[in-house]
Amino acid sequence: MCSNAKVINRTPNGFFLQCKACKSFQVSFGNIFLDLTQKELSHFKKFLNELDSKYWEQMYCSCFVKRKIPIPTLQTNLQIMLNRSELEELKHLLGMTEESPSGLITAEKVDYTVVLN
């Protein structure tokens, strides 16, 4: 991880940085960390843009896992699995979607445990 990095964007679950020295991009999202060149970042964004989340949700509709949208890796037995809201947040983190005009967050996005006693 580069120490000379500029923050491009942040979300509740991640950050997107660019190293000023080597010009690489770093994406941290949940427990996923990617170190990408400009070309790799462009390919990754293109892949995410073409990813049909509805298709994958239907494909895995009877499966017991809650994350049904796969992102393949070069290691054939390893896939990154996301749900639709995680995919949308990742796209937003990478600057692929517009921010809501009001800038307000919804109640579902607040990371807080409510204890009723």
N, C-alpha and C. Protein backbone atom coordinates (compact mmCIF):
# COMPACT_ATOMS: atom_id res chain seq x y z
N MET A 1 0.84 -1.18 0.00
CA MET A 1 0.00 0.00 0.00
C MET A 1 0.89 1.23 0.00
N CYS A 2 0.60 2.15 -0.87
CA CYS A 2 1.41 3.35 -1.01
C CYS A 2 1.11 4.35 0.10
N SER A 3 2.14 5.02 0.57
CA SER A 3 1.95 6.03 1.61
C SER A 3 1.68 7.40 1.01
N ASN A 4 1.99 7.58 -0.26
CA ASN A 4 1.80 8.85 -0.95
C ASN A 4 0.55 8.77 -1.83
N ALA A 5 -0.62 8.60 -1.20
CA ALA A 5 -1.84 8.37 -1.96
C ALA A 5 -2.84 9.50 -1.77
N LYS A 6 -3.62 9.74 -2.81
CA LYS A 6 -4.68 10.75 -2.80
C LYS A 6 -6.01 10.02 -2.75
N VAL A 7 -6.87 10.41 -1.84
CA VAL A 7 -8.20 9.80 -1.73
C VAL A 7 -9.07 10.34 -2.86
N ILE A 8 -9.60 9.42 -3.66
CA ILE A 8 -10.50 9.80 -4.75
C ILE A 8 -11.95 9.76 -4.28
N ASN A 9 -12.29 8.72 -3.51
CA ASN A 9 -13.66 8.55 -3.05
C ASN A 9 -13.69 7.65 -1.83
N ARG A 10 -14.75 7.77 -1.04
CA ARG A 10 -14.99 6.91 0.12
C ARG A 10 -16.46 6.54 0.16
N THR A 11 -16.74 5.36 0.70
CA THR A 11 -18.10 4.94 1.00
C THR A 11 -18.06 4.33 2.40
N PRO A 12 -19.21 3.97 2.96
CA PRO A 12 -19.18 3.35 4.30
C PRO A 12 -18.34 2.07 4.37
N ASN A 13 -18.18 1.37 3.24
CA ASN A 13 -17.46 0.10 3.26
C ASN A 13 -16.13 0.12 2.53
N GLY A 14 -15.67 1.28 2.09
CA GLY A 14 -14.41 1.25 1.36
C GLY A 14 -13.85 2.60 1.01
N PHE A 15 -12.70 2.55 0.34
CA PHE A 15 -12.07 3.76 -0.15
C PHE A 15 -11.39 3.46 -1.48
N PHE A 16 -11.17 4.53 -2.25
CA PHE A 16 -10.56 4.45 -3.57
C PHE A 16 -9.45 5.50 -3.60
N LEU A 17 -8.21 5.04 -3.79
CA LEU A 17 -7.04 5.90 -3.74
C LEU A 17 -6.25 5.84 -5.03
N GLN A 18 -5.46 6.88 -5.28
CA GLN A 18 -4.48 6.84 -6.36
C GLN A 18 -3.14 7.23 -5.76
N CYS A 19 -2.13 6.40 -6.02
CA CYS A 19 -0.78 6.68 -5.57
C CYS A 19 -0.19 7.75 -6.47
N LYS A 20 0.30 8.84 -5.87
CA LYS A 20 0.87 9.94 -6.65
C LYS A 20 2.20 9.54 -7.28
N ALA A 21 2.94 8.66 -6.62
CA ALA A 21 4.26 8.28 -7.12
C ALA A 21 4.19 7.30 -8.28
N CYS A 22 3.50 6.17 -8.08
CA CYS A 22 3.49 5.12 -9.11
C CYS A 22 2.25 5.15 -9.99
N LYS A 23 1.29 6.05 -9.70
CA LYS A 23 0.07 6.22 -10.49
C LYS A 23 -0.86 4.99 -10.45
N SER A 24 -0.63 4.07 -9.51
CA SER A 24 -1.53 2.92 -9.39
C SER A 24 -2.76 3.33 -8.59
N PHE A 25 -3.81 2.53 -8.70
CA PHE A 25 -5.06 2.77 -7.99
C PHE A 25 -5.26 1.66 -6.97
N GLN A 26 -5.75 2.02 -5.80
CA GLN A 26 -6.02 1.04 -4.75
C GLN A 26 -7.47 1.14 -4.35
N VAL A 27 -8.13 -0.01 -4.35
CA VAL A 27 -9.53 -0.09 -3.99
C VAL A 27 -9.64 -1.03 -2.80
N SER A 28 -10.19 -0.53 -1.72
CA SER A 28 -10.47 -1.36 -0.56
C SER A 28 -11.98 -1.33 -0.37
N PHE A 29 -12.59 -2.50 -0.40
CA PHE A 29 -14.05 -2.60 -0.28
C PHE A 29 -14.38 -3.82 0.55
N GLY A 30 -14.91 -3.60 1.75
CA GLY A 30 -15.16 -4.72 2.66
C GLY A 30 -13.85 -5.40 2.98
N ASN A 31 -13.76 -6.68 2.71
CA ASN A 31 -12.51 -7.40 2.94
C ASN A 31 -11.75 -7.66 1.64
N ILE A 32 -12.04 -6.88 0.61
CA ILE A 32 -11.39 -7.01 -0.68
C ILE A 32 -10.42 -5.84 -0.86
N PHE A 33 -9.22 -6.11 -1.33
CA PHE A 33 -8.25 -5.06 -1.64
C PHE A 33 -7.71 -5.31 -3.03
N LEU A 34 -7.78 -4.30 -3.89
CA LEU A 34 -7.27 -4.39 -5.25
C LEU A 34 -6.23 -3.31 -5.48
N ASP A 35 -5.13 -3.67 -6.10
CA ASP A 35 -4.09 -2.72 -6.50
C ASP A 35 -4.04 -2.80 -8.02
N LEU A 36 -4.49 -1.73 -8.69
CA LEU A 36 -4.72 -1.76 -10.14
C LEU A 36 -3.94 -0.68 -10.87
N THR A 37 -3.52 -1.00 -12.09
CA THR A 37 -2.98 0.01 -12.99
C THR A 37 -4.16 0.73 -13.63
N GLN A 38 -3.90 1.80 -14.37
CA GLN A 38 -4.96 2.53 -15.06
C GLN A 38 -5.71 1.60 -16.03
N LYS A 39 -4.96 0.78 -16.76
CA LYS A 39 -5.56 -0.14 -17.73
C LYS A 39 -6.42 -1.19 -17.01
N GLU A 40 -5.91 -1.75 -15.91
CA GLU A 40 -6.67 -2.75 -15.15
C GLU A 40 -7.93 -2.13 -14.56
N LEU A 41 -7.83 -0.90 -14.07
CA LEU A 41 -9.00 -0.21 -13.52
C LEU A 41 -10.05 0.00 -14.61
N SER A 42 -9.63 0.40 -15.79
CA SER A 42 -10.57 0.59 -16.90
C SER A 42 -11.28 -0.71 -17.26
N HIS A 43 -10.54 -1.82 -17.30
CA HIS A 43 -11.13 -3.12 -17.60
C HIS A 43 -12.09 -3.55 -16.50
N PHE A 44 -11.72 -3.31 -15.24
CA PHE A 44 -12.56 -3.69 -14.11
C PHE A 44 -13.87 -2.90 -14.14
N LYS A 45 -13.79 -1.60 -14.41
CA LYS A 45 -14.99 -0.77 -14.51
C LYS A 45 -15.89 -1.25 -15.66
N LYS A 46 -15.26 -1.58 -16.78
CA LYS A 46 -16.03 -2.07 -17.93
C LYS A 46 -16.75 -3.37 -17.57
N PHE A 47 -16.03 -4.27 -16.88
CA PHE A 47 -16.64 -5.53 -16.46
C PHE A 47 -17.83 -5.26 -15.54
N LEU A 48 -17.66 -4.39 -14.54
CA LEU A 48 -18.74 -4.09 -13.61
C LEU A 48 -19.93 -3.46 -14.32
N ASN A 49 -19.65 -2.61 -15.29
CA ASN A 49 -20.72 -1.95 -16.04
C ASN A 49 -21.54 -2.94 -16.86
N GLU A 50 -20.88 -3.99 -17.36
CA GLU A 50 -21.56 -4.99 -18.19
C GLU A 50 -22.14 -6.15 -17.37
N LEU A 51 -21.87 -6.18 -16.08
CA LEU A 51 -22.34 -7.26 -15.22
C LEU A 51 -23.85 -7.18 -15.07
N ASP A 52 -24.53 -8.27 -15.38
CA ASP A 52 -25.99 -8.32 -15.31
C ASP A 52 -26.40 -8.91 -13.97
N SER A 53 -26.65 -8.04 -13.00
CA SER A 53 -26.96 -8.50 -11.64
C SER A 53 -28.28 -9.26 -11.58
N LYS A 54 -29.27 -8.86 -12.37
CA LYS A 54 -30.56 -9.56 -12.36
C LYS A 54 -30.39 -11.01 -12.83
N TYR A 55 -29.56 -11.21 -13.85
CA TYR A 55 -29.31 -12.56 -14.36
C TYR A 55 -28.73 -13.44 -13.25
N TRP A 56 -27.71 -12.95 -12.56
CA TRP A 56 -27.05 -13.76 -11.54
C TRP A 56 -27.94 -14.00 -10.33
N GLU A 57 -28.77 -13.02 -9.99
CA GLU A 57 -29.71 -13.22 -8.88
C GLU A 57 -30.72 -14.31 -9.23
N GLN A 58 -31.16 -14.35 -10.48
CA GLN A 58 -32.07 -15.41 -10.91
C GLN A 58 -31.36 -16.75 -11.00
N MET A 59 -30.11 -16.74 -11.45
CA MET A 59 -29.34 -17.97 -11.59
C MET A 59 -29.14 -18.65 -10.23
N TYR A 60 -28.90 -17.85 -9.20
CA TYR A 60 -28.66 -18.39 -7.86
C TYR A 60 -29.87 -18.22 -6.94
N CYS A 61 -31.07 -18.08 -7.50
CA CYS A 61 -32.25 -17.80 -6.68
C CYS A 61 -32.56 -18.91 -5.67
N SER A 62 -32.26 -20.15 -6.00
CA SER A 62 -32.54 -21.24 -5.07
C SER A 62 -31.35 -21.58 -4.18
N CYS A 63 -30.28 -20.86 -4.35
CA CYS A 63 -29.07 -21.10 -3.56
C CYS A 63 -29.21 -20.41 -2.21
N PHE A 64 -28.62 -20.98 -1.18
CA PHE A 64 -28.77 -20.47 0.17
C PHE A 64 -27.88 -19.26 0.48
N VAL A 65 -26.96 -18.91 -0.38
CA VAL A 65 -26.07 -17.78 -0.11
C VAL A 65 -26.80 -16.46 -0.31
N LYS A 66 -26.45 -15.44 0.48
CA LYS A 66 -27.12 -14.15 0.33
C LYS A 66 -26.46 -13.27 -0.72
N ARG A 67 -25.22 -13.53 -1.05
CA ARG A 67 -24.52 -12.78 -2.10
C ARG A 67 -24.54 -13.65 -3.36
N LYS A 68 -25.15 -13.16 -4.42
CA LYS A 68 -25.39 -14.00 -5.59
C LYS A 68 -24.72 -13.50 -6.87
N ILE A 69 -24.02 -12.37 -6.81
CA ILE A 69 -23.42 -11.79 -8.00
C ILE A 69 -21.91 -12.06 -7.97
N PRO A 70 -21.42 -12.94 -8.87
CA PRO A 70 -20.00 -13.30 -8.84
C PRO A 70 -19.11 -12.37 -9.66
N ILE A 71 -17.93 -12.13 -9.14
CA ILE A 71 -16.87 -11.46 -9.89
C ILE A 71 -15.73 -12.47 -9.95
N PRO A 72 -15.46 -13.02 -11.12
CA PRO A 72 -14.42 -14.06 -11.22
C PRO A 72 -13.02 -13.48 -11.02
N THR A 73 -12.12 -14.34 -10.61
CA THR A 73 -10.71 -13.98 -10.47
C THR A 73 -9.89 -14.93 -11.33
N LEU A 74 -8.60 -14.68 -11.44
CA LEU A 74 -7.75 -15.58 -12.22
C LEU A 74 -7.59 -16.94 -11.56
N GLN A 75 -7.78 -16.99 -10.26
CA GLN A 75 -7.75 -18.28 -9.57
C GLN A 75 -9.13 -18.91 -9.75
N THR A 76 -9.19 -20.02 -10.46
CA THR A 76 -10.47 -20.57 -10.89
C THR A 76 -11.38 -20.99 -9.73
N ASN A 77 -10.82 -21.29 -8.58
CA ASN A 77 -11.67 -21.71 -7.47
C ASN A 77 -11.98 -20.56 -6.50
N LEU A 78 -11.76 -19.32 -6.93
CA LEU A 78 -12.01 -18.16 -6.09
C LEU A 78 -12.83 -17.13 -6.86
N GLN A 79 -13.97 -16.76 -6.29
CA GLN A 79 -14.80 -15.70 -6.86
C GLN A 79 -15.17 -14.73 -5.76
N ILE A 80 -15.30 -13.48 -6.12
CA ILE A 80 -15.78 -12.46 -5.20
C ILE A 80 -17.29 -12.41 -5.37
N MET A 81 -18.02 -12.59 -4.29
CA MET A 81 -19.48 -12.60 -4.35
C MET A 81 -20.02 -11.34 -3.68
N LEU A 82 -20.95 -10.67 -4.37
CA LEU A 82 -21.57 -9.45 -3.87
C LEU A 82 -23.08 -9.56 -3.97
N ASN A 83 -23.79 -8.78 -3.16
CA ASN A 83 -25.22 -8.64 -3.38
C ASN A 83 -25.43 -7.34 -4.17
N ARG A 84 -26.65 -7.05 -4.55
CA ARG A 84 -26.92 -5.92 -5.42
C ARG A 84 -26.52 -4.59 -4.78
N SER A 85 -26.79 -4.41 -3.50
CA SER A 85 -26.44 -3.14 -2.87
C SER A 85 -24.92 -2.98 -2.77
N GLU A 86 -24.19 -4.06 -2.53
CA GLU A 86 -22.73 -3.99 -2.50
C GLU A 86 -22.18 -3.65 -3.88
N LEU A 87 -22.77 -4.24 -4.91
CA LEU A 87 -22.33 -3.94 -6.27
C LEU A 87 -22.56 -2.47 -6.60
N GLU A 88 -23.71 -1.94 -6.22
CA GLU A 88 -24.00 -0.53 -6.47
C GLU A 88 -23.06 0.37 -5.68
N GLU A 89 -22.75 -0.01 -4.44
CA GLU A 89 -21.82 0.79 -3.65
C GLU A 89 -20.42 0.76 -4.26
N LEU A 90 -19.99 -0.41 -4.74
CA LEU A 90 -18.68 -0.52 -5.38
C LEU A 90 -18.62 0.35 -6.63
N LYS A 91 -19.68 0.34 -7.42
CA LYS A 91 -19.74 1.18 -8.61
C LYS A 91 -19.67 2.67 -8.23
N HIS A 92 -20.39 3.02 -7.18
CA HIS A 92 -20.35 4.41 -6.71
C HIS A 92 -18.95 4.77 -6.22
N LEU A 93 -18.31 3.88 -5.50
CA LEU A 93 -16.96 4.10 -5.00
C LEU A 93 -15.99 4.39 -6.14
N LEU A 94 -16.16 3.68 -7.25
CA LEU A 94 -15.28 3.84 -8.41
C LEU A 94 -15.70 4.99 -9.33
N GLY A 95 -16.74 5.74 -8.92
CA GLY A 95 -17.17 6.89 -9.70
C GLY A 95 -17.99 6.53 -10.91
N MET A 96 -18.64 5.38 -10.89
CA MET A 96 -19.41 4.93 -12.05
C MET A 96 -20.87 5.35 -11.96
N THR A 97 -21.32 5.83 -10.81
CA THR A 97 -22.71 6.26 -10.64
C THR A 97 -22.72 7.63 -10.00
N GLU A 98 -23.78 8.34 -10.20
CA GLU A 98 -23.93 9.67 -9.62
C GLU A 98 -24.36 9.55 -8.17
N GLU A 99 -23.90 10.48 -7.36
CA GLU A 99 -24.31 10.53 -5.96
C GLU A 99 -25.71 11.10 -5.89
N SER A 100 -26.45 10.70 -4.86
CA SER A 100 -27.80 11.23 -4.72
C SER A 100 -27.73 12.75 -4.53
N PRO A 101 -28.66 13.50 -5.14
CA PRO A 101 -28.60 14.95 -5.10
C PRO A 101 -28.59 15.52 -3.69
N SER A 102 -29.32 14.88 -2.78
CA SER A 102 -29.40 15.43 -1.43
C SER A 102 -28.17 15.08 -0.61
N GLY A 103 -27.48 14.00 -0.98
CA GLY A 103 -26.31 13.59 -0.22
C GLY A 103 -26.67 12.89 1.08
N LEU A 104 -27.97 12.67 1.30
CA LEU A 104 -28.41 12.01 2.53
C LEU A 104 -28.29 10.50 2.41
N ILE A 105 -28.05 9.84 3.53
CA ILE A 105 -28.01 8.38 3.53
C ILE A 105 -29.32 7.85 4.08
N THR A 106 -29.64 6.63 3.69
CA THR A 106 -30.87 6.01 4.16
C THR A 106 -30.61 5.30 5.48
N ALA A 107 -31.67 4.94 6.17
CA ALA A 107 -31.54 4.27 7.46
C ALA A 107 -30.82 2.93 7.34
N GLU A 108 -31.00 2.24 6.20
CA GLU A 108 -30.35 0.95 6.01
C GLU A 108 -28.84 1.06 5.95
N LYS A 109 -28.33 2.22 5.57
CA LYS A 109 -26.90 2.39 5.40
C LYS A 109 -26.19 2.80 6.69
N VAL A 110 -26.95 3.10 7.74
CA VAL A 110 -26.35 3.48 9.01
C VAL A 110 -25.93 2.21 9.73
N ASP A 111 -24.64 2.11 10.04
CA ASP A 111 -24.09 0.94 10.72
C ASP A 111 -24.24 1.12 12.22
N TYR A 112 -25.39 0.72 12.76
CA TYR A 112 -25.67 0.91 14.17
C TYR A 112 -26.59 -0.20 14.65
N THR A 113 -26.25 -0.79 15.76
CA THR A 113 -27.08 -1.84 16.35
C THR A 113 -28.07 -1.21 17.31
N VAL A 114 -29.35 -1.41 17.06
CA VAL A 114 -30.39 -0.87 17.91
C VAL A 114 -30.71 -1.90 18.98
N VAL A 115 -30.68 -1.49 20.23
CA VAL A 115 -31.00 -2.36 21.36
C VAL A 115 -32.25 -1.82 22.02
N LEU A 116 -33.31 -2.62 21.97
CA LEU A 116 -34.57 -2.23 22.62
C LEU A 116 -34.67 -3.00 23.92
N ASN A 117 -34.80 -2.29 25.02
CA ASN A 117 -34.94 -2.97 26.31
C ASN A 117 -36.05 -2.38 27.13
